Amino acid sequence: MPEAVPHTPAAEADIRPFMAGFPTGVTVLTTLDEDAEPRGMTCSSLASVALSPATVMVGVRTASPTLEAILAAGQFAINLLHEQARATSDLFASATADRFGLTEWRLPLGAAGPHLTADAHATADCRVIRTMPFGDHTAVFAHVERVTLRDTVGAPLLYGLRQYAAWSDAVREGAGHGRHA
């Protein structure tokens, strides 16, 4: 088997167009800062790392005030947005100061961060176990300590090719194109 030859590009590659072609769900990470004020940000960089113990990884811009609050608190919530929550995704991706004053949320007993009750179809409460800074982002590894599912809200909100899509539209358009065993 031939050995892989390392490739060093002449200039740093811009991976944004490449990653735009990888549709993903949309999340809002939430936590409380040292003054018990809610903090949050939109994040599309979420991965399951292990089932046992239940572990996830989120990639967060290292200069983010929300990352600072997550690390200080040692915990956070991952809110998976439903397909009607595009405005909330945009809100938490913006520089708007009072994000939590413009959306419905609550902090259940024992929660790791605010739950976006009107906009999330599921929420995971997580405890930080390790961080790994790399370049302009930090990978935050966390144990999932509790999951809340909301059956009464819509399907997942998707993001790819720099635009939103609804899971239900993707499933409807894909009907009949594959076979189920």
C-alpha atoms as a PDB file:
ATOM      1  CA  MET A   1       0.000   0.000   0.000  1.00  0.00           C
ATOM      2  CA  PRO A   2       1.489   3.367  -0.959  1.00  0.00           C
ATOM      3  CA  GLU A   3       2.252   5.785   1.838  1.00  0.00           C
ATOM      4  CA  ALA A   4       0.370   9.042   2.036  1.00  0.00           C
ATOM      5  CA  VAL A   5       2.456  12.011   1.022  1.00  0.00           C
ATOM      6  CA  PRO A   6       1.889  15.049   3.226  1.00  0.00           C
ATOM      7  CA  HIS A   7       0.701  18.086   1.334  1.00  0.00           C
ATOM      8  CA  THR A   8       1.635  21.552   2.474  1.00  0.00           C
ATOM      9  CA  PRO A   9      -0.424  24.197   0.687  1.00  0.00           C
ATOM     10  CA  ALA A  10       1.314  27.381  -0.446  1.00  0.00           C
ATOM     11  CA  ALA A  11      -1.412  29.435   1.254  1.00  0.00           C
ATOM     12  CA  GLU A  12      -3.808  28.491   4.023  1.00  0.00           C
ATOM     13  CA  ALA A  13      -6.939  26.916   2.534  1.00  0.00           C
ATOM     14  CA  ASP A  14     -10.292  28.595   3.146  1.00  0.00           C
ATOM     15  CA  ILE A  15     -12.450  25.657   4.283  1.00  0.00           C
ATOM     16  CA  ARG A  16     -15.658  27.682   4.586  1.00  0.00           C
ATOM     17  CA  PRO A  17     -16.941  26.802   1.067  1.00  0.00           C
ATOM     18  CA  PHE A  18     -16.069  23.151   1.716  1.00  0.00           C
ATOM     19  CA  MET A  19     -17.865  23.045   5.085  1.00  0.00           C
ATOM     20  CA  ALA A  20     -20.866  24.919   3.637  1.00  0.00           C
ATOM     21  CA  GLY A  21     -21.435  21.780   1.552  1.00  0.00           C
ATOM     22  CA  PHE A  22     -21.875  19.733   4.738  1.00  0.00           C
ATOM     23  CA  PRO A  23     -25.425  20.430   5.995  1.00  0.00           C
ATOM     24  CA  THR A  24     -25.872  20.252   9.733  1.00  0.00           C
ATOM     25  CA  GLY A  25     -28.417  20.897  12.429  1.00  0.00           C
ATOM     26  CA  VAL A  26     -28.535  24.272  14.151  1.00  0.00           C
ATOM     27  CA  THR A  27     -27.980  24.643  17.879  1.00  0.00           C
ATOM     28  CA  VAL A  28     -27.849  27.425  20.424  1.00  0.00           C
ATOM     29  CA  LEU A  29     -25.407  26.897  23.291  1.00  0.00           C
ATOM     30  CA  THR A  30     -26.521  28.501  26.551  1.00  0.00           C
ATOM     31  CA  THR A  31     -25.049  28.953  30.012  1.00  0.00           C
ATOM     32  CA  LEU A  32     -25.020  31.377  32.940  1.00  0.00           C
ATOM     33  CA  ASP A  33     -22.123  33.729  33.573  1.00  0.00           C
ATOM     34  CA  GLU A  34     -20.573  34.467  36.985  1.00  0.00           C
ATOM     35  CA  ASP A  35     -23.364  36.980  37.683  1.00  0.00           C
ATOM     36  CA  ALA A  36     -26.049  34.369  36.838  1.00  0.00           C
ATOM     37  CA  GLU A  37     -26.857  36.246  33.605  1.00  0.00           C
ATOM     38  CA  PRO A  38     -27.785  34.033  30.638  1.00  0.00           C
ATOM     39  CA  ARG A  39     -25.305  33.828  27.760  1.00  0.00           C
ATOM     40  CA  GLY A  40     -25.722  32.077  24.430  1.00  0.00           C
ATOM     41  CA  MET A  41     -24.637  31.707  20.841  1.00  0.00           C
ATOM     42  CA  THR A  42     -25.632  29.885  17.656  1.00  0.00           C
ATOM     43  CA  CYS A  43     -23.371  26.928  16.915  1.00  0.00           C
ATOM     44  CA  SER A  44     -23.401  24.469  14.027  1.00  0.00           C
ATOM     45  CA  SER A  45     -20.272  22.609  15.087  1.00  0.00           C
ATOM     46  CA  LEU A  46     -21.611  19.725  17.203  1.00  0.00           C
ATOM     47  CA  ALA A  47     -20.501  16.099  17.147  1.00  0.00           C
ATOM     48  CA  SER A  48     -21.279  13.002  19.144  1.00  0.00           C
ATOM     49  CA  VAL A  49     -18.022  11.597  20.518  1.00  0.00           C
ATOM     50  CA  ALA A  50     -19.102   8.555  22.567  1.00  0.00           C
ATOM     51  CA  LEU A  51     -22.314   6.855  23.655  1.00  0.00           C
ATOM     52  CA  SER A  52     -20.928   5.596  26.949  1.00  0.00           C
ATOM     53  CA  PRO A  53     -20.234   7.799  28.692  1.00  0.00           C
ATOM     54  CA  ALA A  54     -22.486  10.081  26.642  1.00  0.00           C
ATOM     55  CA  THR A  55     -20.017  12.653  25.318  1.00  0.00           C
ATOM     56  CA  VAL A  56     -20.304  15.446  22.761  1.00  0.00           C
ATOM     57  CA  MET A  57     -17.948  18.048  21.321  1.00  0.00           C
ATOM     58  CA  VAL A  58     -18.796  21.589  20.270  1.00  0.00           C
ATOM     59  CA  GLY A  59     -16.454  23.903  18.397  1.00  0.00           C
ATOM     60  CA  VAL A  60     -16.608  27.490  19.650  1.00  0.00           C
ATOM     61  CA  ARG A  61     -14.718  30.608  18.552  1.00  0.00           C
ATOM     62  CA  THR A  62     -12.016  31.092  21.199  1.00  0.00           C
ATOM     63  CA  ALA A  63     -12.702  34.828  21.530  1.00  0.00           C
ATOM     64  CA  SER A  64     -16.418  34.241  22.201  1.00  0.00           C
ATOM     65  CA  PRO A  65     -17.820  35.700  25.454  1.00  0.00           C
ATOM     66  CA  THR A  66     -20.148  32.688  25.560  1.00  0.00           C
ATOM     67  CA  LEU A  67     -17.137  30.329  25.571  1.00  0.00           C
ATOM     68  CA  GLU A  68     -15.675  32.346  28.444  1.00  0.00           C
ATOM     69  CA  ALA A  69     -18.930  31.901  30.398  1.00  0.00           C
ATOM     70  CA  ILE A  70     -19.134  28.169  29.545  1.00  0.00           C
ATOM     71  CA  LEU A  71     -15.607  27.582  30.814  1.00  0.00           C
ATOM     72  CA  ALA A  72     -16.212  29.601  34.000  1.00  0.00           C
ATOM     73  CA  ALA A  73     -19.476  27.749  34.728  1.00  0.00           C
ATOM     74  CA  GLY A  74     -18.131  24.348  33.701  1.00  0.00           C
ATOM     75  CA  GLN A  75     -21.484  23.523  32.131  1.00  0.00           C
ATOM     76  CA  PHE A  76     -23.842  24.497  29.325  1.00  0.00           C
ATOM     77  CA  ALA A  77     -26.996  23.458  27.508  1.00  0.00           C
ATOM     78  CA  ILE A  78     -27.252  22.524  23.842  1.00  0.00           C
ATOM     79  CA  ASN A  79     -30.602  23.570  22.362  1.00  0.00           C
ATOM     80  CA  LEU A  80     -31.365  21.824  19.041  1.00  0.00           C
ATOM     81  CA  LEU A  81     -33.505  24.291  17.107  1.00  0.00           C
ATOM     82  CA  HIS A  82     -36.667  23.239  15.284  1.00  0.00           C
ATOM     83  CA  GLU A  83     -37.423  24.275  11.721  1.00  0.00           C
ATOM     84  CA  GLN A  84     -39.540  27.295  12.739  1.00  0.00           C
ATOM     85  CA  ALA A  85     -36.663  28.815  14.769  1.00  0.00           C
ATOM     86  CA  ARG A  86     -34.648  30.528  12.026  1.00  0.00           C
ATOM     87  CA  ALA A  87     -35.139  33.929  13.664  1.00  0.00           C
ATOM     88  CA  THR A  88     -33.718  32.588  16.941  1.00  0.00           C
ATOM     89  CA  SER A  89     -30.688  31.177  15.137  1.00  0.00           C
ATOM     90  CA  ASP A  90     -30.077  34.574  13.550  1.00  0.00           C
ATOM     91  CA  LEU A  91     -30.658  36.346  16.876  1.00  0.00           C
ATOM     92  CA  PHE A  92     -28.072  34.264  18.737  1.00  0.00           C
ATOM     93  CA  ALA A  93     -25.609  34.639  15.835  1.00  0.00           C
ATOM     94  CA  SER A  94     -25.944  38.436  16.005  1.00  0.00           C
ATOM     95  CA  ALA A  95     -24.356  41.014  18.277  1.00  0.00           C
ATOM     96  CA  THR A  96     -27.747  41.834  19.849  1.00  0.00           C
ATOM     97  CA  ALA A  97     -27.128  42.463  23.532  1.00  0.00           C
ATOM     98  CA  ASP A  98     -30.449  41.297  25.039  1.00  0.00           C
ATOM     99  CA  ARG A  99     -30.925  38.013  23.186  1.00  0.00           C
ATOM    100  CA  PHE A 100     -32.661  36.360  26.125  1.00  0.00           C
ATOM    101  CA  GLY A 101     -35.105  39.249  26.425  1.00  0.00           C
ATOM    102  CA  LEU A 102     -36.238  38.524  22.864  1.00  0.00           C
ATOM    103  CA  THR A 103     -36.874  34.783  23.146  1.00  0.00           C
ATOM    104  CA  GLU A 104     -38.744  32.401  25.432  1.00  0.00           C
ATOM    105  CA  TRP A 105     -36.586  30.429  27.842  1.00  0.00           C
ATOM    106  CA  ARG A 106     -36.551  28.867  31.274  1.00  0.00           C
ATOM    107  CA  LEU A 107     -33.981  27.407  33.622  1.00  0.00           C
ATOM    108  CA  PRO A 108     -35.316  24.092  34.964  1.00  0.00           C
ATOM    109  CA  LEU A 109     -33.996  22.864  38.298  1.00  0.00           C
ATOM    110  CA  GLY A 110     -30.584  21.278  37.705  1.00  0.00           C
ATOM    111  CA  ALA A 111     -30.248  22.617  34.157  1.00  0.00           C
ATOM    112  CA  ALA A 112     -26.762  23.417  32.878  1.00  0.00           C
ATOM    113  CA  GLY A 113     -28.026  26.470  31.008  1.00  0.00           C
ATOM    114  CA  PRO A 114     -31.210  28.113  29.771  1.00  0.00           C
ATOM    115  CA  HIS A 115     -33.596  25.915  27.762  1.00  0.00           C
ATOM    116  CA  LEU A 116     -35.086  27.688  24.733  1.00  0.00           C
ATOM    117  CA  THR A 117     -38.561  26.276  25.281  1.00  0.00           C
ATOM    118  CA  ALA A 118     -40.289  27.787  22.238  1.00  0.00           C
ATOM    119  CA  ASP A 119     -37.477  27.189  19.735  1.00  0.00           C
ATOM    120  CA  ALA A 120     -35.741  23.918  20.632  1.00  0.00           C
ATOM    121  CA  HIS A 121     -37.074  20.454  19.837  1.00  0.00           C
ATOM    122  CA  ALA A 122     -34.496  18.959  22.235  1.00  0.00           C
ATOM    123  CA  THR A 123     -32.054  20.185  24.868  1.00  0.00           C
ATOM    124  CA  ALA A 124     -29.028  18.471  26.411  1.00  0.00           C
ATOM    125  CA  ASP A 125     -27.554  19.596  29.732  1.00  0.00           C
ATOM    126  CA  CYS A 126     -23.774  19.091  29.618  1.00  0.00           C
ATOM    127  CA  ARG A 127     -20.779  19.225  31.961  1.00  0.00           C
ATOM    128  CA  VAL A 128     -17.417  20.304  30.507  1.00  0.00           C
ATOM    129  CA  ILE A 129     -14.776  17.602  30.834  1.00  0.00           C
ATOM    130  CA  ARG A 130     -11.997  18.846  28.553  1.00  0.00           C
ATOM    131  CA  THR A 131     -11.128  21.663  26.191  1.00  0.00           C
ATOM    132  CA  MET A 132      -8.654  21.794  23.356  1.00  0.00           C
ATOM    133  CA  PRO A 133      -7.809  25.149  21.791  1.00  0.00           C
ATOM    134  CA  PHE A 134      -6.789  24.969  18.154  1.00  0.00           C
ATOM    135  CA  GLY A 135      -6.327  27.960  15.885  1.00  0.00           C
ATOM    136  CA  ASP A 136      -9.189  30.411  16.306  1.00  0.00           C
ATOM    137  CA  HIS A 137     -11.569  27.888  17.907  1.00  0.00           C
ATOM    138  CA  THR A 138     -11.733  25.722  21.014  1.00  0.00           C
ATOM    139  CA  ALA A 139     -13.119  22.193  21.051  1.00  0.00           C
ATOM    140  CA  VAL A 140     -15.208  21.718  24.186  1.00  0.00           C
ATOM    141  CA  PHE A 141     -15.802  18.100  25.195  1.00  0.00           C
ATOM    142  CA  ALA A 142     -18.682  17.511  27.578  1.00  0.00           C
ATOM    143  CA  HIS A 143     -20.629  14.729  29.258  1.00  0.00           C
ATOM    144  CA  VAL A 144     -24.341  14.847  28.527  1.00  0.00           C
ATOM    145  CA  GLU A 145     -26.043  14.588  31.902  1.00  0.00           C
ATOM    146  CA  ARG A 146     -29.683  15.014  30.880  1.00  0.00           C
ATOM    147  CA  VAL A 147     -31.702  15.183  27.657  1.00  0.00           C
ATOM    148  CA  THR A 148     -35.097  16.855  27.301  1.00  0.00           C
ATOM    149  CA  LEU A 149     -37.161  16.036  24.192  1.00  0.00           C
ATOM    150  CA  ARG A 150     -40.175  18.110  23.151  1.00  0.00           C
ATOM    151  CA  ASP A 151     -42.568  16.092  20.986  1.00  0.00           C
ATOM    152  CA  THR A 152     -44.934  19.016  20.470  1.00  0.00           C
ATOM    153  CA  VAL A 153     -42.591  21.127  18.320  1.00  0.00           C
ATOM    154  CA  GLY A 154     -41.348  20.804  14.745  1.00  0.00           C
ATOM    155  CA  ALA A 155     -38.591  18.804  13.127  1.00  0.00           C
ATOM    156  CA  PRO A 156     -34.924  19.967  13.079  1.00  0.00           C
ATOM    157  CA  LEU A 157     -33.680  23.166  11.454  1.00  0.00           C
ATOM    158  CA  LEU A 158     -30.837  22.529   8.999  1.00  0.00           C
ATOM    159  CA  TYR A 159     -28.082  24.787   7.688  1.00  0.00           C
ATOM    160  CA  GLY A 160     -25.882  24.248   4.647  1.00  0.00           C
ATOM    161  CA  LEU A 161     -24.728  26.062   1.522  1.00  0.00           C
ATOM    162  CA  ARG A 162     -25.142  29.257   3.588  1.00  0.00           C
ATOM    163  CA  GLN A 163     -28.913  28.846   3.860  1.00  0.00           C
ATOM    164  CA  TYR A 164     -31.512  27.301   6.135  1.00  0.00           C
ATOM    165  CA  ALA A 165     -33.652  24.297   5.264  1.00  0.00           C
ATOM    166  CA  ALA A 166     -36.407  22.445   7.065  1.00  0.00           C
ATOM    167  CA  TRP A 167     -36.001  18.755   7.831  1.00  0.00           C
ATOM    168  CA  SER A 168     -39.611  18.083   6.857  1.00  0.00           C
ATOM    169  CA  ASP A 169     -39.020  19.662   3.408  1.00  0.00           C
ATOM    170  CA  ALA A 170     -35.872  17.574   2.885  1.00  0.00           C
ATOM    171  CA  VAL A 171     -37.704  14.367   3.823  1.00  0.00           C
ATOM    172  CA  ARG A 172     -40.691  15.239   1.627  1.00  0.00           C
ATOM    173  CA  GLU A 173     -38.451  16.014  -1.384  1.00  0.00           C
ATOM    174  CA  GLY A 174     -36.450  12.829  -0.817  1.00  0.00           C
ATOM    175  CA  ALA A 175     -39.534  10.578  -0.603  1.00  0.00           C
ATOM    176  CA  GLY A 176     -39.385   7.803  -3.106  1.00  0.00           C
ATOM    177  CA  HIS A 177     -35.687   8.255  -3.859  1.00  0.00           C
ATOM    178  CA  GLY A 178     -34.471   5.529  -1.559  1.00  0.00           C
ATOM    179  CA  ARG A 179     -35.556   2.171  -0.264  1.00  0.00           C
ATOM    180  CA  HIS A 180     -35.997   1.268   3.352  1.00  0.00           C
ATOM    181  CA  ALA A 181     -35.065  -2.190   4.473  1.00  0.00           C
END
